[in-house]
């Protein structure tokens, strides 16, 4: 099982980034997919989730209105479009794949928002 995040980097305040998470080794379409983030000294928090059917999207409070989660089951990939980024959004962003029985995490991708 692999979850490989990409798309992070350095961006100026007000800028945008699109994160990708490429999945392999499991049936991607059967899993709820989520993005979490963890800033230094803080707990990991939910950014967004997308269900396996529907799909139904759920957003955490901290970035709601500025992010959009989507998935492409044909490409086994989940995306996170982030807009109007702020310095407080600086964190490591993690991809998560979950069912009732299984729970997988990626290694994370660093997002730094700074001028």
Protein backbone atom coordinates (compact mmCIF):
# COMPACT_ATOMS: atom_id res chain seq x y z
CA UNK A 1 0.00 0.00 0.00
CA UNK A 2 1.29 3.42 -0.93
CA UNK A 3 -0.04 6.94 -0.66
CA UNK A 4 2.31 9.43 -2.27
CA UNK A 5 1.57 13.11 -1.82
CA UNK A 6 2.95 15.74 -4.16
CA UNK A 7 2.43 19.37 -5.06
CA UNK A 8 3.61 21.01 -1.89
CA UNK A 9 6.16 23.77 -1.76
CA UNK A 10 6.69 27.43 -1.06
CA UNK A 11 3.91 29.83 -2.01
CA UNK A 12 3.26 33.48 -1.26
CA UNK A 13 0.31 34.57 0.85
CA UNK A 14 -2.79 34.73 -1.30
CA UNK A 15 -1.45 32.10 -3.65
CA UNK A 16 -2.76 28.69 -4.63
CA UNK A 17 -1.50 25.13 -4.67
CA UNK A 18 -2.95 21.84 -5.78
CA UNK A 19 -1.89 18.79 -3.84
CA UNK A 20 -2.15 15.31 -5.27
CA UNK A 21 -2.14 11.94 -3.56
CA UNK A 22 -1.48 8.93 -5.75
CA UNK A 23 -2.66 5.65 -4.27
CA UNK A 24 -1.62 2.10 -5.02
CA UNK A 25 -1.89 -1.33 -3.51
CA UNK A 26 -5.56 -1.22 -2.59
CA UNK A 27 -8.95 -0.68 -4.18
CA UNK A 28 -8.96 3.09 -4.22
CA UNK A 29 -12.62 3.49 -5.13
CA UNK A 30 -13.66 1.61 -1.98
CA UNK A 31 -11.99 4.04 0.39
CA UNK A 32 -12.93 7.34 1.90
CA UNK A 33 -10.08 9.74 1.18
CA UNK A 34 -9.02 12.67 3.31
CA UNK A 35 -6.46 15.40 3.66
CA UNK A 36 -5.11 16.34 7.06
CA UNK A 37 -2.47 18.82 8.08
CA UNK A 38 -0.14 19.27 11.01
CA UNK A 39 1.65 22.47 11.83
CA UNK A 40 4.68 22.55 14.15
CA UNK A 41 3.60 22.15 17.76
CA UNK A 42 -0.02 21.53 16.85
CA UNK A 43 -2.24 18.49 16.54
CA UNK A 44 -3.06 16.96 13.21
CA UNK A 45 -6.38 18.31 11.91
CA UNK A 46 -8.82 17.44 9.18
CA UNK A 47 -8.73 19.65 6.11
CA UNK A 48 -11.19 17.79 3.88
CA UNK A 49 -12.70 14.39 3.19
CA UNK A 50 -14.43 12.83 0.22
CA UNK A 51 -16.57 9.74 0.42
CA UNK A 52 -16.23 6.73 -1.81
CA UNK A 53 -19.73 7.14 -3.24
CA UNK A 54 -21.67 10.26 -4.13
CA UNK A 55 -19.20 11.65 -3.60
CA UNK A 56 -19.90 13.59 -0.44
CA UNK A 57 -17.34 16.15 0.68
CA UNK A 58 -16.66 17.39 4.19
CA UNK A 59 -14.42 20.30 5.14
CA UNK A 60 -12.65 21.24 8.32
CA UNK A 61 -13.27 24.65 9.81
CA UNK A 62 -9.78 26.04 9.32
CA UNK A 63 -9.76 26.03 5.52
CA UNK A 64 -13.44 25.78 4.60
CA UNK A 65 -14.28 27.98 1.65
CA UNK A 66 -10.69 28.06 0.46
CA UNK A 67 -10.15 24.41 -0.43
CA UNK A 68 -11.78 21.86 -2.68
CA UNK A 69 -11.24 18.13 -2.47
CA UNK A 70 -11.83 15.87 -5.44
CA UNK A 71 -11.00 12.36 -6.55
CA UNK A 72 -10.36 10.56 -9.80
CA UNK A 73 -11.01 6.87 -9.31
CA UNK A 74 -9.66 6.07 -12.76
CA UNK A 75 -6.30 7.55 -11.75
CA UNK A 76 -6.39 6.39 -8.12
CA UNK A 77 -5.72 9.95 -7.11
CA UNK A 78 -7.22 12.46 -4.70
CA UNK A 79 -6.61 16.17 -5.04
CA UNK A 80 -6.73 19.19 -2.78
CA UNK A 81 -7.05 22.58 -4.43
CA UNK A 82 -6.04 25.29 -1.98
CA UNK A 83 -6.66 28.97 -2.65
CA UNK A 84 -6.08 32.24 -0.78
CA UNK A 85 -3.36 30.65 1.27
CA UNK A 86 -2.24 32.28 4.51
CA UNK A 87 0.89 31.95 6.60
CA UNK A 88 -1.13 29.97 9.17
CA UNK A 89 -1.70 27.31 6.51
CA UNK A 90 1.98 26.37 6.70
CA UNK A 91 2.04 22.71 7.66
CA UNK A 92 2.73 19.21 6.49
CA UNK A 93 -0.28 17.94 4.56
CA UNK A 94 -1.12 14.25 4.75
CA UNK A 95 -3.29 12.01 2.66
CA UNK A 96 -5.41 9.34 4.38
CA UNK A 97 -7.32 6.37 3.00
CA UNK A 98 -9.83 4.71 5.26
CA UNK A 99 -12.48 2.06 5.45
CA UNK A 100 -14.05 0.51 8.54
CA UNK A 101 -11.32 -2.10 8.53
CA UNK A 102 -8.23 -0.33 7.12
CA UNK A 103 -6.53 3.01 7.68
CA UNK A 104 -3.54 4.20 5.63
CA UNK A 105 -1.52 7.41 5.74
CA UNK A 106 0.94 8.98 3.38
CA UNK A 107 4.26 10.49 4.37
CA UNK A 108 3.11 14.05 3.87
CA UNK A 109 4.09 17.01 1.76
CA UNK A 110 5.30 20.32 3.16
CA UNK A 111 3.38 23.47 2.35
CA UNK A 112 5.02 26.74 3.34
CA UNK A 113 3.19 30.02 2.91
CA UNK A 114 5.58 32.92 3.17
CA UNK A 115 6.60 36.07 1.39
